[in-house]
């Protein structure tokens, strides 16, 4: 069996979301499958070869212009030339006219649910990308042998919206490097490298509207205003002008001094930052899974997340659940966790246990079962023709 895996963005230095999922899939397939052959197709825009070598894994670097032409022309042509039995597309889209049978991951369909993406907040890059997906995705999923998503919540959303019956839900995992760290040298090194404050809350957000940044910032401002102990809010790679605009919009322009931007953080450094926060804030408006919820739990910190979409499914009873649209509930969550040691301890202990239920190895094993099932199905169809 020869499996093609689309990894268009894996050579990027700044990896996010879907890129990390694809990379974990590849790494864990290398650990569990020494029998079948794999071809990983990447776009060599940046010199950041990050995929480990393995005897049964071939890395094919494909040029081919911008993302749409690479995906629609270069990728399916290369997959056919390599003799792949199936092509696993990992980034919410895929080639429409692929001669190689497809397995397509739909992490979410938020971009399909929005009535008008151009009236929504977000960068123009995000809007153009969503416009492309709105055109491509309904065509691709109907040509795919299987459509994989990452939670039962998202599976039902996709089923109802696109009227599909070839759906499979496979949970994401949490990296083993996300763990409780007791080594003060590691913690101090991260603190110095990213200039971390002593007392801080951690918010993993970006400019995507679903991350709920305005409500989180308003909640932090309201909390800090009344708190006897003043805290900082640590955020990662956020654009300065975008941040200041939000602060102006919520009527808190002077709060900038209480926010610490670290700049881009490599994934391996993230656990040492999370370990040092007092509360991990993740009250997103909409998630298909919510990997950061598990990352916070695995690091032994209390997590605040939302009562919407997939987040209750992933968090279980191991997080403090709020209505993300109500900033007062976020404030109350922060206050409760910091004031109630019993609650804090309960969330930490249950979070550590909850995170153990999700692993990248299990995700890779479930995908491998799916490959075998689809290839067997294809072979059976060929015999009956």
Protein backbone atom coordinates (compact mmCIF):
# COMPACT_ATOMS: atom_id res chain seq x y z
CA UNK A 1 0.00 0.00 0.00
CA UNK A 2 1.36 3.42 -0.97
CA UNK A 3 -0.16 6.46 0.77
CA UNK A 4 0.33 10.02 -0.41
CA UNK A 5 0.10 12.76 2.22
CA UNK A 6 -0.34 16.42 1.31
CA UNK A 7 1.98 18.51 3.48
CA UNK A 8 2.05 21.74 1.47
CA UNK A 9 2.83 24.03 4.40
CA UNK A 10 5.09 21.82 6.50
CA UNK A 11 8.32 23.60 5.55
CA UNK A 12 7.05 26.90 6.93
CA UNK A 13 8.94 28.12 9.97
CA UNK A 14 5.76 29.48 11.57
CA UNK A 15 3.46 26.50 11.83
CA UNK A 16 -0.05 26.68 13.16
CA UNK A 17 -3.09 24.45 13.66
CA UNK A 18 -3.49 22.21 10.64
CA UNK A 19 0.26 22.19 9.96
CA UNK A 20 1.03 20.76 13.40
CA UNK A 21 -1.70 18.11 13.03
CA UNK A 22 -0.25 16.96 9.70
CA UNK A 23 3.27 16.88 11.12
CA UNK A 24 2.17 14.82 14.14
CA UNK A 25 0.32 12.43 11.85
CA UNK A 26 3.47 11.83 9.79
CA UNK A 27 5.77 11.46 12.81
CA UNK A 28 3.49 8.94 14.47
CA UNK A 29 2.85 6.95 11.30
CA UNK A 30 6.62 6.58 11.08
CA UNK A 31 6.60 5.05 14.57
CA UNK A 32 3.73 2.61 14.08
CA UNK A 33 3.94 1.56 10.41
CA UNK A 34 7.11 0.01 8.98
CA UNK A 35 5.24 -2.04 6.38
CA UNK A 36 3.53 0.41 4.00
CA UNK A 37 5.09 3.12 1.85
CA UNK A 38 4.38 6.84 2.16
CA UNK A 39 5.02 9.85 -0.05
CA UNK A 40 4.79 13.28 1.58
CA UNK A 41 4.31 16.18 -0.82
CA UNK A 42 5.65 19.52 0.42
CA UNK A 43 6.06 23.00 -1.04
CA UNK A 44 9.68 24.16 -0.53
CA UNK A 45 8.92 27.84 0.03
CA UNK A 46 11.14 27.95 3.12
CA UNK A 47 14.24 25.98 4.01
CA UNK A 48 12.83 24.32 7.09
CA UNK A 49 12.90 20.56 6.50
CA UNK A 50 11.22 19.26 9.64
CA UNK A 51 10.01 15.79 8.68
CA UNK A 52 12.14 13.01 10.19
CA UNK A 53 13.68 10.51 7.79
CA UNK A 54 12.29 6.98 7.67
CA UNK A 55 13.00 4.10 5.24
CA UNK A 56 9.39 3.83 4.05
CA UNK A 57 8.78 7.61 3.79
CA UNK A 58 9.70 9.60 0.69
CA UNK A 59 9.63 13.41 0.76
CA UNK A 60 8.76 15.03 -2.58
CA UNK A 61 9.35 18.78 -2.87
CA UNK A 62 6.92 20.29 -5.37
CA UNK A 63 7.09 23.78 -6.74
CA UNK A 64 4.01 24.95 -8.59
CA UNK A 65 3.19 28.57 -7.84
CA UNK A 66 0.67 29.79 -5.26
CA UNK A 67 -1.38 27.50 -3.06
CA UNK A 68 -4.41 26.99 -5.43
CA UNK A 69 -2.33 26.04 -8.50
CA UNK A 70 -0.02 23.86 -6.39
CA UNK A 71 -2.98 22.00 -4.95
CA UNK A 72 -5.08 21.72 -8.10
CA UNK A 73 -2.34 20.86 -10.61
CA UNK A 74 1.09 20.01 -9.16
CA UNK A 75 -0.16 17.82 -6.30
CA UNK A 76 -2.52 15.44 -8.15
CA UNK A 77 -0.05 15.05 -11.03
CA UNK A 78 2.79 14.13 -8.62
CA UNK A 79 0.59 11.74 -6.63
CA UNK A 80 -0.31 9.88 -9.79
CA UNK A 81 3.31 9.76 -10.97
CA UNK A 82 4.37 8.30 -7.61
CA UNK A 83 1.77 5.54 -7.94
CA UNK A 84 -0.12 6.39 -4.75
CA UNK A 85 -3.10 4.19 -3.90
CA UNK A 86 -4.74 7.05 -2.02
CA UNK A 87 -3.95 10.73 -1.37
CA UNK A 88 -4.60 12.11 2.10
CA UNK A 89 -5.24 15.88 1.92
CA UNK A 90 -4.68 17.43 5.35
CA UNK A 91 -5.54 21.13 4.96
CA UNK A 92 -9.32 21.45 4.55
CA UNK A 93 -9.16 21.34 0.74
CA UNK A 94 -7.95 19.12 -2.07
CA UNK A 95 -7.62 18.77 -5.85
CA UNK A 96 -10.91 18.56 -7.73
CA UNK A 97 -9.70 16.41 -10.63
CA UNK A 98 -7.38 13.98 -8.84
CA UNK A 99 -7.02 10.60 -10.54
CA UNK A 100 -5.79 9.22 -7.21
CA UNK A 101 -8.63 8.51 -4.75
CA UNK A 102 -8.85 11.08 -1.94
CA UNK A 103 -9.19 11.10 1.81
CA UNK A 104 -9.84 14.70 2.83
CA UNK A 105 -9.60 16.24 6.28
CA UNK A 106 -12.17 18.92 7.07
CA UNK A 107 -11.05 20.38 10.38
CA UNK A 108 -14.10 22.68 10.28
CA UNK A 109 -16.58 24.33 7.91
CA UNK A 110 -16.76 27.76 9.54
CA UNK A 111 -15.94 29.42 6.24
CA UNK A 112 -18.98 27.73 4.67
CA UNK A 113 -21.36 28.67 7.47
CA UNK A 114 -20.65 32.43 7.28
CA UNK A 115 -23.20 34.25 5.12
CA UNK A 116 -20.70 36.84 3.88
CA UNK A 117 -17.02 36.45 4.70
CA UNK A 118 -16.28 39.97 3.49
CA UNK A 119 -18.48 41.51 6.20
CA UNK A 120 -16.71 39.54 8.90
CA UNK A 121 -13.59 40.55 10.77
CA UNK A 122 -10.26 38.99 9.89
CA UNK A 123 -7.36 39.71 7.56
CA UNK A 124 -7.73 39.84 3.78
CA UNK A 125 -5.48 36.77 3.55
CA UNK A 126 -7.98 34.87 5.71
CA UNK A 127 -10.93 36.14 3.66
CA UNK A 128 -9.42 35.18 0.30
CA UNK A 129 -8.46 31.75 1.68
CA UNK A 130 -12.00 31.22 2.92
CA UNK A 131 -13.44 32.29 -0.44
CA UNK A 132 -11.25 29.68 -2.18
CA UNK A 133 -12.39 26.99 0.26
CA UNK A 134 -16.06 27.90 -0.18
CA UNK A 135 -15.71 27.17 -3.87
CA UNK A 136 -13.48 24.08 -3.66
CA UNK A 137 -14.65 22.15 -0.61
CA UNK A 138 -18.20 21.15 -1.68
CA UNK A 139 -16.72 19.73 -4.88
CA UNK A 140 -13.78 17.94 -3.28
CA UNK A 141 -15.68 16.21 -0.46
CA UNK A 142 -18.11 14.61 -2.90
CA UNK A 143 -15.18 13.14 -4.81
CA UNK A 144 -13.46 11.88 -1.64
CA UNK A 145 -13.63 8.28 -0.50
CA UNK A 146 -13.74 9.50 3.09
CA UNK A 147 -14.01 12.87 4.78
CA UNK A 148 -12.27 12.96 8.14
CA UNK A 149 -13.05 15.52 10.82
CA UNK A 150 -11.84 15.92 14.36
CA UNK A 151 -14.84 15.76 16.69
CA UNK A 152 -18.36 14.38 16.82
CA UNK A 153 -19.67 17.94 17.00
CA UNK A 154 -17.98 18.86 13.72
CA UNK A 155 -19.03 15.57 12.14
CA UNK A 156 -22.68 16.44 12.72
CA UNK A 157 -22.19 20.00 11.44
CA UNK A 158 -20.60 18.75 8.22
CA UNK A 159 -23.19 16.00 7.81
CA UNK A 160 -26.08 18.42 8.10
CA UNK A 161 -24.52 21.19 6.03
CA UNK A 162 -23.04 19.19 3.15
CA UNK A 163 -25.39 16.17 3.31
CA UNK A 164 -22.52 13.66 3.39
CA UNK A 165 -22.54 10.04 4.51
CA UNK A 166 -18.81 9.26 4.08
CA UNK A 167 -17.74 10.99 7.31
CA UNK A 168 -15.36 9.73 9.99
CA UNK A 169 -14.46 11.47 13.26
CA UNK A 170 -10.87 10.97 14.45
CA UNK A 171 -9.76 12.93 17.51
CA UNK A 172 -6.59 14.99 17.52
CA UNK A 173 -4.00 14.44 20.23
CA UNK A 174 -1.73 16.39 22.51
CA UNK A 175 2.06 16.31 22.18
CA UNK A 176 4.04 14.42 24.80
CA UNK A 177 6.21 17.51 25.37
CA UNK A 178 3.15 19.23 26.84
CA UNK A 179 3.61 18.16 30.43
CA UNK A 180 3.99 19.48 33.93
CA UNK A 181 7.55 20.84 34.21
CA UNK A 182 9.33 20.91 37.58
CA UNK A 183 12.78 21.71 36.22
CA UNK A 184 13.42 25.33 37.26
CA UNK A 185 16.23 25.65 34.72
CA UNK A 186 13.84 24.97 31.84
CA UNK A 187 11.23 27.32 33.27
CA UNK A 188 13.72 30.12 33.93
CA UNK A 189 15.22 29.75 30.47
CA UNK A 190 11.79 30.27 28.87
CA UNK A 191 11.06 33.15 31.21
CA UNK A 192 14.27 34.90 30.21
CA UNK A 193 13.96 34.09 26.49
CA UNK A 194 10.44 35.51 26.23
CA UNK A 195 10.77 38.08 29.02
CA UNK A 196 7.81 36.61 30.90
CA UNK A 197 6.27 38.52 33.84
CA UNK A 198 5.96 36.95 37.29
CA UNK A 199 2.16 36.78 37.54
CA UNK A 200 0.31 36.28 34.30
CA UNK A 201 -2.69 34.77 32.60
CA UNK A 202 -2.16 33.16 29.21
CA UNK A 203 -4.35 33.71 26.17
CA UNK A 204 -3.73 31.78 22.97
CA UNK A 205 -5.55 33.90 20.40
CA UNK A 206 -5.04 35.40 16.98
CA UNK A 207 -6.79 37.76 14.56
CA UNK A 208 -9.37 35.14 13.55
CA UNK A 209 -12.77 36.38 14.80
CA UNK A 210 -13.61 32.98 16.28
CA UNK A 211 -10.84 33.38 18.86
CA UNK A 212 -13.00 35.95 20.68
CA UNK A 213 -10.11 38.31 21.38
CA UNK A 214 -12.22 41.45 22.14
CA UNK A 215 -14.25 39.67 24.83
CA UNK A 216 -11.14 38.11 26.37
CA UNK A 217 -9.36 41.46 26.53
CA UNK A 218 -12.44 43.13 28.02
CA UNK A 219 -12.71 40.40 30.63
CA UNK A 220 -9.04 40.72 31.53
CA UNK A 221 -9.34 44.51 31.83
CA UNK A 222 -12.39 44.20 34.12
CA UNK A 223 -10.71 41.54 36.24
CA UNK A 224 -7.39 43.35 36.61
CA UNK A 225 -9.09 46.63 37.44
CA UNK A 226 -10.65 45.10 40.57
CA UNK A 227 -7.83 42.73 41.52
CA UNK A 228 -5.62 43.51 44.50
CA UNK A 229 -2.80 41.63 42.76
CA UNK A 230 -2.11 43.02 39.30
CA UNK A 231 -1.54 40.49 36.56
CA UNK A 232 -0.22 40.62 33.02
CA UNK A 233 -1.84 38.94 30.06
CA UNK A 234 0.65 37.02 27.91
CA UNK A 235 -0.20 36.60 24.23
CA UNK A 236 1.92 35.14 21.45
CA UNK A 237 2.48 36.28 17.90
CA UNK A 238 -0.09 39.10 17.74
CA UNK A 239 0.18 42.14 15.48
CA UNK A 240 0.66 45.37 17.45
CA UNK A 241 -1.70 47.58 15.44
CA UNK A 242 -4.46 44.96 15.50
CA UNK A 243 -4.13 44.67 19.27
CA UNK A 244 -4.29 48.42 19.83
CA UNK A 245 -7.36 48.70 17.61
CA UNK A 246 -9.21 46.13 19.70
CA UNK A 247 -8.21 47.92 22.91
CA UNK A 248 -9.54 51.17 21.48
CA UNK A 249 -12.76 49.50 20.35
CA UNK A 250 -13.49 48.03 23.80
CA UNK A 251 -12.70 51.34 25.53
CA UNK A 252 -9.45 50.19 27.17
CA UNK A 253 -6.67 51.94 25.20
CA UNK A 254 -4.43 52.24 28.26
CA UNK A 255 -4.47 48.49 28.95
CA UNK A 256 -1.63 47.89 26.48
CA UNK A 257 0.89 48.17 29.35
CA UNK A 258 -0.70 45.09 30.97
CA UNK A 259 -0.32 42.89 27.89
CA UNK A 260 2.93 41.13 27.08
CA UNK A 261 3.44 40.00 23.48
CA UNK A 262 6.08 37.29 23.17
CA UNK A 263 6.33 37.25 19.38
CA UNK A 264 6.36 33.91 17.61
CA UNK A 265 7.00 30.96 19.95
CA UNK A 266 8.28 27.66 18.61
CA UNK A 267 6.03 24.81 19.65
CA UNK A 268 8.71 23.12 21.76
CA UNK A 269 9.00 26.25 23.95
CA UNK A 270 5.26 26.58 24.52
CA UNK A 271 4.93 24.09 27.43
CA UNK A 272 7.46 26.02 29.54
CA UNK A 273 5.41 29.19 29.05
CA UNK A 274 2.07 27.55 29.79
CA UNK A 275 3.47 25.93 32.95
CA UNK A 276 4.11 29.36 34.44
CA UNK A 277 0.69 30.92 33.90
CA UNK A 278 -1.96 31.15 36.60
CA UNK A 279 -4.90 30.54 34.26
CA UNK A 280 -5.05 29.42 30.62
CA UNK A 281 -7.77 31.34 28.75
CA UNK A 282 -9.37 29.64 25.75
CA UNK A 283 -12.98 30.91 25.55
CA UNK A 284 -13.22 30.68 21.77
CA UNK A 285 -16.49 31.26 19.93
CA UNK A 286 -16.16 28.21 17.68
CA UNK A 287 -13.71 25.31 17.48
CA UNK A 288 -13.82 22.00 15.66
CA UNK A 289 -11.60 20.45 18.35
CA UNK A 290 -9.50 22.78 20.52
CA UNK A 291 -6.03 21.26 20.90
CA UNK A 292 -4.85 24.10 23.22
CA UNK A 293 -7.43 23.01 25.78
CA UNK A 294 -5.58 19.71 26.16
CA UNK A 295 -2.17 21.39 26.02
CA UNK A 296 -3.08 23.57 28.98
CA UNK A 297 -4.45 20.60 30.91
CA UNK A 298 -1.39 18.46 30.18
CA UNK A 299 0.83 21.24 31.55
CA UNK A 300 -1.04 21.18 34.85
CA UNK A 301 -2.74 24.57 34.71
CA UNK A 302 -6.47 25.38 35.08
CA UNK A 303 -8.23 26.05 31.77
CA UNK A 304 -11.20 28.31 31.03
CA UNK A 305 -13.01 27.38 27.84
CA UNK A 306 -16.41 27.72 26.18
CA UNK A 307 -19.79 26.02 26.32
CA UNK A 308 -20.05 26.14 22.53
CA UNK A 309 -19.25 23.84 19.58
CA UNK A 310 -16.72 21.05 20.27
CA UNK A 311 -15.16 22.48 23.40
CA UNK A 312 -17.39 20.79 26.02
CA UNK A 313 -16.86 17.49 24.16
CA UNK A 314 -13.08 17.82 24.41
CA UNK A 315 -12.83 19.45 27.85
CA UNK A 316 -15.31 17.16 29.61
CA UNK A 317 -15.61 18.18 33.26
CA UNK A 318 -11.92 19.13 33.50
CA UNK A 319 -12.22 22.83 32.58
CA UNK A 320 -14.11 25.87 33.83
CA UNK A 321 -16.86 26.34 31.22
CA UNK A 322 -18.23 29.79 30.31
CA UNK A 323 -20.44 31.49 27.77
CA UNK A 324 -17.72 33.06 25.59
CA UNK A 325 -19.97 35.96 24.55
CA UNK A 326 -20.43 37.01 28.17
CA UNK A 327 -17.22 38.69 29.39
CA UNK A 328 -18.61 38.76 32.95
CA UNK A 329 -18.60 34.96 33.00
CA UNK A 330 -14.96 34.93 31.91
CA UNK A 331 -14.15 37.40 34.71
CA UNK A 332 -15.96 35.21 37.24
CA UNK A 333 -14.06 32.17 36.02
CA UNK A 334 -10.71 33.89 36.53
CA UNK A 335 -11.71 35.13 39.99
CA UNK A 336 -13.02 31.73 41.09
CA UNK A 337 -9.91 29.84 40.00
CA UNK A 338 -7.52 32.30 41.66
CA UNK A 339 -9.52 32.57 44.89
CA UNK A 340 -10.64 28.96 45.40
CA UNK A 341 -7.69 26.59 45.93
CA UNK A 342 -10.01 23.58 46.06
CA UNK A 343 -11.47 24.42 42.66
CA UNK A 344 -8.03 25.17 41.24
CA UNK A 345 -6.64 21.84 42.45
CA UNK A 346 -9.67 19.95 41.10
CA UNK A 347 -9.29 21.51 37.65
CA UNK A 348 -5.56 20.80 37.54
CA UNK A 349 -5.90 17.16 38.63
CA UNK A 350 -8.87 16.38 36.39
CA UNK A 351 -7.18 18.19 33.50
CA UNK A 352 -4.05 16.08 33.78
CA UNK A 353 -6.19 12.94 33.65
CA UNK A 354 -8.36 14.21 30.82
CA UNK A 355 -5.38 14.99 28.59
CA UNK A 356 -4.19 11.38 28.87
CA UNK A 357 -7.20 10.28 26.81
CA UNK A 358 -5.91 12.00 23.67
CA UNK A 359 -2.70 11.05 21.87
CA UNK A 360 -1.20 11.56 18.44
CA UNK A 361 -0.30 7.88 18.35
CA UNK A 362 -3.98 6.93 18.65
CA UNK A 363 -4.83 9.48 15.94
CA UNK A 364 -2.23 7.94 13.60
CA UNK A 365 -3.46 4.40 14.36
CA UNK A 366 -7.02 5.38 13.46
CA UNK A 367 -5.87 6.98 10.21
CA UNK A 368 -3.85 3.89 9.31
CA UNK A 369 -6.97 1.73 9.81
CA UNK A 370 -8.82 4.13 7.53
CA UNK A 371 -6.15 3.89 4.80
CA UNK A 372 -6.37 0.11 4.84
CA UNK A 373 -10.16 0.20 4.74
CA UNK A 374 -10.27 2.63 1.81
CA UNK A 375 -7.59 0.84 -0.24
CA UNK A 376 -9.33 -2.51 0.31
CA UNK A 377 -12.58 -0.91 -0.79
CA UNK A 378 -10.90 0.49 -3.93
CA UNK A 379 -9.38 -2.90 -4.77
CA UNK A 380 -12.77 -4.58 -4.37
CA UNK A 381 -14.38 -2.02 -6.68
CA UNK A 382 -11.66 -2.58 -9.29
CA UNK A 383 -12.25 -6.35 -9.23
CA UNK A 384 -15.94 -5.93 -9.87
CA UNK A 385 -15.47 -3.68 -12.91
